[in-house]
Amino acid sequence: MNKYRILVKGIVQRGNKFLIVEKWYDDNIVEPYQWEFIDGEAEFGESPDAAVIRIIQEQTGLTAVVGGVLYTWTVMIGTECNLGLTYLCLTEQDEDDVILSEELHDAKWIEGIEFEEYIHNKRMLDDLEKAELY
């Protein structure tokens, strides 16, 4: 039996800035805190569009709208296929409106030209470049 999960990533944009969040990954690596975008898993029966908006609100307190799908990805974990959709999501709220969930350590609004300073995942940077975000 095939098993699939739907993962969503929300790249939240306000004007010319994007929200990045600092997450705890693993205390066995050199940099246990890493900068990323908002992400999570769609619940059973939930559309990916609805999931990304829900996850953004739960993790940051921000209200956003879907601007479109930027790119997709897949990753196998054991016998499970994870299908990921990365969305551009738009908000008019500002940095004072961000209220982080307990799983997040910090947040910053940065310009696209700053992605390489914070995001260390080469594949994600390539996808962001293809999506013309920087």
C-alpha atoms as a PDB file:
ATOM      1  CA  MET A   1       0.000   0.000   0.000  1.00  0.00           C
ATOM      2  CA  ASN A   2       1.369   3.406  -0.966  1.00  0.00           C
ATOM      3  CA  LYS A   3       1.437   6.086   1.690  1.00  0.00           C
ATOM      4  CA  TYR A   4       1.524   9.794   0.885  1.00  0.00           C
ATOM      5  CA  ARG A   5       1.706  12.930   2.993  1.00  0.00           C
ATOM      6  CA  ILE A   6       1.061  16.437   1.744  1.00  0.00           C
ATOM      7  CA  LEU A   7       3.456  19.033   3.101  1.00  0.00           C
ATOM      8  CA  VAL A   8       3.040  22.759   2.571  1.00  0.00           C
ATOM      9  CA  LYS A   9       5.475  25.646   2.835  1.00  0.00           C
ATOM     10  CA  GLY A  10       4.307  29.247   3.022  1.00  0.00           C
ATOM     11  CA  ILE A  11       6.627  32.008   1.870  1.00  0.00           C
ATOM     12  CA  VAL A  12       4.893  34.989   3.435  1.00  0.00           C
ATOM     13  CA  GLN A  13       5.442  38.291   1.630  1.00  0.00           C
ATOM     14  CA  ARG A  14       4.621  41.811   2.805  1.00  0.00           C
ATOM     15  CA  GLY A  15       5.620  44.477   0.313  1.00  0.00           C
ATOM     16  CA  ASN A  16       9.178  43.678  -0.762  1.00  0.00           C
ATOM     17  CA  LYS A  17       9.995  41.611   2.354  1.00  0.00           C
ATOM     18  CA  PHE A  18       9.592  37.931   3.217  1.00  0.00           C
ATOM     19  CA  LEU A  19       9.076  36.328   6.615  1.00  0.00           C
ATOM     20  CA  ILE A  20      11.639  33.774   7.745  1.00  0.00           C
ATOM     21  CA  VAL A  21      11.478  31.909  11.033  1.00  0.00           C
ATOM     22  CA  GLU A  22      14.154  30.263  13.116  1.00  0.00           C
ATOM     23  CA  LYS A  23      13.429  26.657  14.098  1.00  0.00           C
ATOM     24  CA  TRP A  24      15.104  24.115  16.317  1.00  0.00           C
ATOM     25  CA  TYR A  25      16.256  21.124  14.260  1.00  0.00           C
ATOM     26  CA  ASP A  26      18.570  18.873  16.218  1.00  0.00           C
ATOM     27  CA  ASP A  27      20.960  19.348  19.125  1.00  0.00           C
ATOM     28  CA  ASN A  28      23.379  16.899  17.464  1.00  0.00           C
ATOM     29  CA  ILE A  29      24.266  19.257  14.616  1.00  0.00           C
ATOM     30  CA  VAL A  30      26.525  22.299  14.496  1.00  0.00           C
ATOM     31  CA  GLU A  31      23.684  24.787  13.952  1.00  0.00           C
ATOM     32  CA  PRO A  32      20.607  23.425  15.758  1.00  0.00           C
ATOM     33  CA  TYR A  33      18.639  26.615  15.004  1.00  0.00           C
ATOM     34  CA  GLN A  34      18.075  27.247  11.303  1.00  0.00           C
ATOM     35  CA  TRP A  35      16.176  29.862   9.316  1.00  0.00           C
ATOM     36  CA  GLU A  36      13.319  28.588   7.187  1.00  0.00           C
ATOM     37  CA  PHE A  37       9.875  29.490   5.930  1.00  0.00           C
ATOM     38  CA  ILE A  38       6.621  28.466   7.602  1.00  0.00           C
ATOM     39  CA  ASP A  39       5.788  24.824   6.919  1.00  0.00           C
ATOM     40  CA  GLY A  40       3.668  21.946   8.079  1.00  0.00           C
ATOM     41  CA  GLU A  41       1.435  19.079   7.055  1.00  0.00           C
ATOM     42  CA  ALA A  42      -2.037  19.169   5.552  1.00  0.00           C
ATOM     43  CA  GLU A  43      -4.609  17.367   7.673  1.00  0.00           C
ATOM     44  CA  PHE A  44      -6.567  14.485   6.180  1.00  0.00           C
ATOM     45  CA  GLY A  45      -9.242  15.907   3.861  1.00  0.00           C
ATOM     46  CA  GLU A  46      -7.835  19.465   4.049  1.00  0.00           C
ATOM     47  CA  SER A  47      -6.889  21.197   0.809  1.00  0.00           C
ATOM     48  CA  PRO A  48      -3.235  22.270   0.565  1.00  0.00           C
ATOM     49  CA  ASP A  49      -4.382  25.901   0.044  1.00  0.00           C
ATOM     50  CA  ALA A  50      -6.375  25.841   3.285  1.00  0.00           C
ATOM     51  CA  ALA A  51      -3.554  24.024   5.096  1.00  0.00           C
ATOM     52  CA  VAL A  52      -0.905  26.624   4.304  1.00  0.00           C
ATOM     53  CA  ILE A  53      -3.151  29.486   5.470  1.00  0.00           C
ATOM     54  CA  ARG A  54      -4.011  27.600   8.686  1.00  0.00           C
ATOM     55  CA  ILE A  55      -0.359  26.774   9.417  1.00  0.00           C
ATOM     56  CA  ILE A  56       0.765  30.369   8.852  1.00  0.00           C
ATOM     57  CA  GLN A  57      -1.899  31.584  11.280  1.00  0.00           C
ATOM     58  CA  GLU A  58      -1.084  28.901  13.889  1.00  0.00           C
ATOM     59  CA  GLN A  59       2.676  29.458  13.765  1.00  0.00           C
ATOM     60  CA  THR A  60       2.810  33.261  13.407  1.00  0.00           C
ATOM     61  CA  GLY A  61      -0.629  34.698  14.193  1.00  0.00           C
ATOM     62  CA  LEU A  62      -0.677  36.298  10.725  1.00  0.00           C
ATOM     63  CA  THR A  63      -3.625  36.320   8.370  1.00  0.00           C
ATOM     64  CA  ALA A  64      -2.519  35.671   4.796  1.00  0.00           C
ATOM     65  CA  VAL A  65      -3.974  34.838   1.403  1.00  0.00           C
ATOM     66  CA  VAL A  66      -2.587  32.435  -1.184  1.00  0.00           C
ATOM     67  CA  GLY A  67      -0.853  34.218  -4.051  1.00  0.00           C
ATOM     68  CA  GLY A  68      -0.041  31.019  -5.939  1.00  0.00           C
ATOM     69  CA  VAL A  69       2.081  27.864  -5.972  1.00  0.00           C
ATOM     70  CA  LEU A  70       5.769  28.650  -6.541  1.00  0.00           C
ATOM     71  CA  TYR A  71       7.178  25.137  -6.818  1.00  0.00           C
ATOM     72  CA  THR A  72       6.674  21.534  -5.698  1.00  0.00           C
ATOM     73  CA  TRP A  73       8.990  18.861  -4.369  1.00  0.00           C
ATOM     74  CA  THR A  74       8.958  15.219  -3.261  1.00  0.00           C
ATOM     75  CA  VAL A  75      11.007  13.367  -0.709  1.00  0.00           C
ATOM     76  CA  MET A  76      10.871   9.717   0.306  1.00  0.00           C
ATOM     77  CA  ILE A  77      11.100   8.881   4.003  1.00  0.00           C
ATOM     78  CA  GLY A  78      11.194   5.113   4.309  1.00  0.00           C
ATOM     79  CA  THR A  79       8.199   3.853   2.322  1.00  0.00           C
ATOM     80  CA  GLU A  80       6.340   7.153   2.634  1.00  0.00           C
ATOM     81  CA  CYS A  81       6.255   9.642  -0.233  1.00  0.00           C
ATOM     82  CA  ASN A  82       6.044  13.249   0.914  1.00  0.00           C
ATOM     83  CA  LEU A  83       4.647  15.644  -1.681  1.00  0.00           C
ATOM     84  CA  GLY A  84       5.417  19.289  -0.939  1.00  0.00           C
ATOM     85  CA  LEU A  85       3.869  22.450  -2.317  1.00  0.00           C
ATOM     86  CA  THR A  86       5.488  25.830  -1.724  1.00  0.00           C
ATOM     87  CA  TYR A  87       3.116  28.778  -1.807  1.00  0.00           C
ATOM     88  CA  LEU A  88       3.642  32.488  -2.053  1.00  0.00           C
ATOM     89  CA  CYS A  89       1.285  33.922   0.563  1.00  0.00           C
ATOM     90  CA  LEU A  90       0.549  37.606   0.962  1.00  0.00           C
ATOM     91  CA  THR A  91      -0.167  39.595   4.111  1.00  0.00           C
ATOM     92  CA  GLU A  92      -0.618  43.237   4.939  1.00  0.00           C
ATOM     93  CA  GLN A  93       0.193  42.773   8.607  1.00  0.00           C
ATOM     94  CA  ASP A  94       3.529  44.047   9.897  1.00  0.00           C
ATOM     95  CA  GLU A  95       6.281  42.675  12.099  1.00  0.00           C
ATOM     96  CA  ASP A  96       4.550  43.783  15.294  1.00  0.00           C
ATOM     97  CA  ASP A  97       1.661  41.416  14.456  1.00  0.00           C
ATOM     98  CA  VAL A  98       3.854  38.283  14.417  1.00  0.00           C
ATOM     99  CA  ILE A  99       3.167  36.038  17.417  1.00  0.00           C
ATOM    100  CA  LEU A 100       5.342  32.926  17.220  1.00  0.00           C
ATOM    101  CA  SER A 101       4.193  29.477  18.268  1.00  0.00           C
ATOM    102  CA  GLU A 102       6.279  27.638  20.868  1.00  0.00           C
ATOM    103  CA  GLU A 103       8.065  25.592  18.191  1.00  0.00           C
ATOM    104  CA  LEU A 104       9.631  28.699  16.634  1.00  0.00           C
ATOM    105  CA  HIS A 105      12.532  30.621  18.143  1.00  0.00           C
ATOM    106  CA  ASP A 106      12.650  33.900  16.189  1.00  0.00           C
ATOM    107  CA  ALA A 107      11.318  35.668  13.083  1.00  0.00           C
ATOM    108  CA  LYS A 108      12.659  38.279  10.651  1.00  0.00           C
ATOM    109  CA  TRP A 109      11.369  40.119   7.614  1.00  0.00           C
ATOM    110  CA  ILE A 110      14.068  40.111   4.925  1.00  0.00           C
ATOM    111  CA  GLU A 111      14.388  41.069   1.276  1.00  0.00           C
ATOM    112  CA  GLY A 112      14.820  38.399  -1.386  1.00  0.00           C
ATOM    113  CA  ILE A 113      18.447  39.372  -1.968  1.00  0.00           C
ATOM    114  CA  GLU A 114      19.129  38.298   1.645  1.00  0.00           C
ATOM    115  CA  PHE A 115      17.909  34.686   1.242  1.00  0.00           C
ATOM    116  CA  GLU A 116      21.430  33.294   0.823  1.00  0.00           C
ATOM    117  CA  GLU A 117      22.526  34.906   4.107  1.00  0.00           C
ATOM    118  CA  TYR A 118      19.919  32.923   6.085  1.00  0.00           C
ATOM    119  CA  ILE A 119      18.749  29.911   4.064  1.00  0.00           C
ATOM    120  CA  HIS A 120      21.419  27.211   3.744  1.00  0.00           C
ATOM    121  CA  ASN A 121      19.410  24.593   1.828  1.00  0.00           C
ATOM    122  CA  LYS A 122      20.919  24.701  -1.694  1.00  0.00           C
ATOM    123  CA  ARG A 123      17.945  22.982  -3.324  1.00  0.00           C
ATOM    124  CA  MET A 124      15.542  25.492  -1.771  1.00  0.00           C
ATOM    125  CA  LEU A 125      17.706  28.415  -2.902  1.00  0.00           C
ATOM    126  CA  ASP A 126      17.700  27.013  -6.443  1.00  0.00           C
ATOM    127  CA  ASP A 127      13.899  26.720  -6.321  1.00  0.00           C
ATOM    128  CA  LEU A 128      13.560  30.282  -4.985  1.00  0.00           C
ATOM    129  CA  GLU A 129      15.750  31.541  -7.800  1.00  0.00           C
ATOM    130  CA  LYS A 130      13.672  29.657 -10.415  1.00  0.00           C
ATOM    131  CA  ALA A 131      10.544  31.215  -8.860  1.00  0.00           C
ATOM    132  CA  GLU A 132      12.278  34.602  -9.385  1.00  0.00           C
ATOM    133  CA  LEU A 133      12.016  35.649  -5.743  1.00  0.00           C
ATOM    134  CA  TYR A 134      15.635  36.867  -5.750  1.00  0.00           C
END
